Protein backbone atom coordinates (compact mmCIF):
# COMPACT_ATOMS: atom_id res chain seq x y z
CA MET A 1 221.08 -30.68 139.17
CA LYS A 2 217.50 -30.50 137.89
CA ILE A 3 216.12 -30.62 141.42
CA ARG A 4 218.33 -27.70 142.40
CA GLU A 5 217.21 -25.68 139.34
CA LEU A 6 213.54 -26.44 140.05
CA SER A 7 214.04 -25.50 143.68
CA ASN A 8 215.65 -22.18 142.73
CA LEU A 9 212.89 -21.51 140.20
CA PHE A 10 210.23 -22.27 142.82
CA LEU A 11 211.89 -19.97 145.38
CA SER A 12 212.19 -17.21 142.77
CA ILE A 13 208.51 -17.49 141.87
CA LEU A 14 207.56 -17.52 145.56
CA PHE A 15 209.68 -14.42 146.23
CA ILE A 16 208.21 -12.51 143.25
CA SER A 17 204.67 -13.51 144.28
CA ALA A 18 205.28 -12.21 147.79
CA LEU A 19 206.54 -8.89 146.44
CA ILE A 20 203.57 -8.49 144.11
CA SER A 21 200.99 -9.40 146.76
CA CYS A 22 202.41 -6.87 149.23
CA ASN A 23 202.31 -4.09 146.67
CA GLY A 24 198.69 -3.14 147.45
CA ILE A 25 199.17 -2.89 151.22
CA GLY A 26 199.01 0.69 152.41
CA GLU A 27 198.03 2.20 149.04
CA ASN A 28 195.44 4.36 150.78
CA ALA A 29 197.21 4.43 154.13
CA GLU A 30 197.66 8.20 153.98
CA ASN A 31 193.92 8.71 153.44
CA GLU A 32 192.98 6.21 156.16
CA GLN A 33 195.30 7.51 158.87
CA ILE A 34 193.93 9.73 161.56
CA SER A 35 196.06 12.51 162.91
CA THR A 36 197.13 12.11 166.52
CA ASP A 37 196.27 15.80 166.99
CA ILE A 38 192.61 14.86 167.51
CA ILE A 39 193.44 12.60 170.45
CA SER A 40 194.22 14.68 173.47
CA ASN A 41 194.15 14.04 177.18
CA PRO A 42 194.13 17.39 178.98
CA ASN A 43 194.03 15.89 182.47
CA THR A 44 196.88 17.00 184.68
CA SER A 45 198.07 16.05 188.12
CA ASP A 46 196.99 19.41 189.52
CA GLY A 47 193.43 18.87 188.24
CA LYS A 48 193.40 22.07 186.17
CA ALA A 49 192.45 20.63 182.80
CA ASP A 50 191.77 22.82 179.75
CA LEU A 51 188.70 21.23 178.16
CA SER A 52 188.00 24.12 175.78
CA LYS A 53 189.89 22.56 172.84
CA LEU A 54 188.26 19.14 173.03
CA PRO A 55 185.39 17.71 171.02
CA LYS A 56 182.05 17.39 172.76
CA ILE A 57 179.26 15.01 171.80
CA LYS A 58 175.67 16.24 172.15
CA PHE A 59 172.79 13.85 171.42
CA ASP A 60 169.39 15.13 170.34
CA GLU A 61 167.93 12.38 172.51
CA GLU A 62 169.79 10.14 175.00
CA ILE A 63 166.85 7.78 175.66
CA HIS A 64 164.57 6.29 173.03
CA ASP A 65 161.39 4.41 173.99
CA PHE A 66 160.17 1.99 171.32
CA GLY A 67 156.91 1.58 173.25
CA LYS A 68 155.06 -1.70 172.73
CA VAL A 69 156.95 -4.34 170.73
CA ILE A 70 155.76 -7.84 169.78
CA GLU A 71 158.26 -10.51 170.86
CA GLY A 72 160.45 -11.47 167.90
CA GLU A 73 160.35 -8.05 166.24
CA LYS A 74 163.55 -6.20 165.41
CA VAL A 75 163.23 -2.46 165.90
CA SER A 76 165.77 0.21 165.02
CA TYR A 77 166.49 3.79 165.94
CA SER A 78 169.18 6.27 164.89
CA PHE A 79 170.54 8.45 167.69
CA LYS A 80 171.44 11.77 166.10
CA PHE A 81 174.37 13.66 167.61
CA LYS A 82 176.45 16.74 166.94
CA ASN A 83 180.05 17.61 167.74
CA VAL A 84 179.58 20.84 169.69
CA GLY A 85 183.26 20.99 170.67
CA SER A 86 186.15 22.72 168.96
CA SER A 87 188.12 19.77 167.54
CA PRO A 88 187.25 16.62 165.56
CA LEU A 89 185.25 13.95 167.39
CA LEU A 90 186.41 10.36 167.04
CA ILE A 91 184.23 7.50 168.27
CA SER A 92 186.42 4.50 169.04
CA GLU A 93 183.80 2.05 170.35
CA VAL A 94 180.07 1.64 170.83
CA ASN A 95 179.14 -1.23 173.18
CA ALA A 96 175.64 -2.46 173.98
CA SER A 97 174.81 -3.93 177.39
CA CYS A 98 173.14 -6.94 175.77
CA GLY A 99 173.77 -9.21 172.80
CA CYS A 100 170.21 -8.45 171.70
CA THR A 101 171.29 -4.96 170.68
CA ALA A 102 173.43 -4.25 167.61
CA THR A 103 175.07 -0.93 166.79
CA LYS A 104 176.58 0.84 163.82
CA TYR A 105 178.55 4.05 164.23
CA PRO A 106 180.77 6.39 162.17
CA LYS A 107 184.43 5.35 161.98
CA THR A 108 185.70 8.65 160.60
CA PRO A 109 186.22 11.90 162.55
CA ILE A 110 183.26 14.23 162.88
CA ARG A 111 184.34 17.85 162.46
CA PRO A 112 183.19 20.57 164.90
CA GLY A 113 179.61 21.62 164.17
CA LYS A 114 178.88 18.50 162.09
CA GLU A 115 176.24 15.85 162.81
CA ASP A 116 176.05 12.08 162.40
CA VAL A 117 174.10 9.13 163.81
CA ILE A 118 174.58 5.94 165.78
CA HIS A 119 172.22 3.22 164.53
CA VAL A 120 170.83 0.85 167.16
CA THR A 121 168.82 -2.31 166.45
CA PHE A 122 167.05 -4.20 169.23
CA ASP A 123 166.06 -7.84 168.68
CA SER A 124 163.16 -8.70 171.00
CA GLU A 125 163.40 -12.48 170.44
CA LYS A 126 162.97 -14.19 173.88
CA ARG A 127 162.82 -10.80 175.66
CA LYS A 128 159.38 -10.54 177.27
CA GLY A 129 158.53 -7.69 179.60
CA PHE A 130 160.13 -4.30 180.16
CA GLN A 131 163.52 -3.89 178.47
CA ASN A 132 166.01 -1.14 179.30
CA LYS A 133 169.32 -1.44 177.43
CA SER A 134 172.32 0.85 177.66
CA ILE A 135 174.76 1.67 174.87
CA SER A 136 178.18 3.05 175.84
CA VAL A 137 179.78 5.44 173.38
CA ILE A 138 183.57 5.69 173.85
CA SER A 139 185.17 8.73 172.20
CA ASN A 140 187.94 11.32 172.52
CA THR A 141 185.79 13.54 174.75
CA GLN A 142 186.10 14.27 178.47
CA PRO A 143 184.67 12.19 180.01
CA ASN A 144 185.33 9.65 177.28
CA LYS A 145 182.16 7.62 177.90
CA THR A 146 178.60 8.71 177.11
CA VAL A 147 175.66 6.39 177.76
CA ILE A 148 172.52 6.35 175.63
CA ARG A 149 169.53 4.05 176.26
CA ILE A 150 166.70 2.24 174.55
CA LYS A 151 163.54 1.01 176.23
CA ALA A 152 160.67 -1.19 175.15
CA MET A 153 157.76 -3.17 176.55
CA VAL A 154 157.88 -6.56 174.84
CA TYR A 155 154.63 -8.53 174.62
CA SER A 156 154.14 -12.10 173.47
CA PRO A 157 152.24 -12.42 170.16
CA GLU A 158 149.25 -13.97 172.00
CA GLN A 159 148.64 -10.85 174.13
């Protein structure tokens, strides 16, 4: 009988713990959710797409040249962009062509007329010579992929 009582007590405690631990999930879900209205695919089978209501990403500069870099240096640049479209811009991914390049980008929608930046850091460790790296920005624009680039001439410390 004592084993059964202990077992029931243990199960009750486990159940109450599970309820309490799940209480915090989704507390800010309403604030974190993104409306599906900002994701639109206007493409049609007849090819007559209305692109006027979509966001549009416009970079101040699509290519940045770091110039001469000493091998082993980490250099960074922030690509400034603006949503010149008529609905919120949502960047879903930013992918670099090389593991030597790290990115940081906004995860929240950018309203029409607003600006933000994509931070890019290039690690020149073991990268001698001319470097030309591409960064693909995937967003809810048409087309959905925009490519920005960084360049550098990497010299060994002895040069």
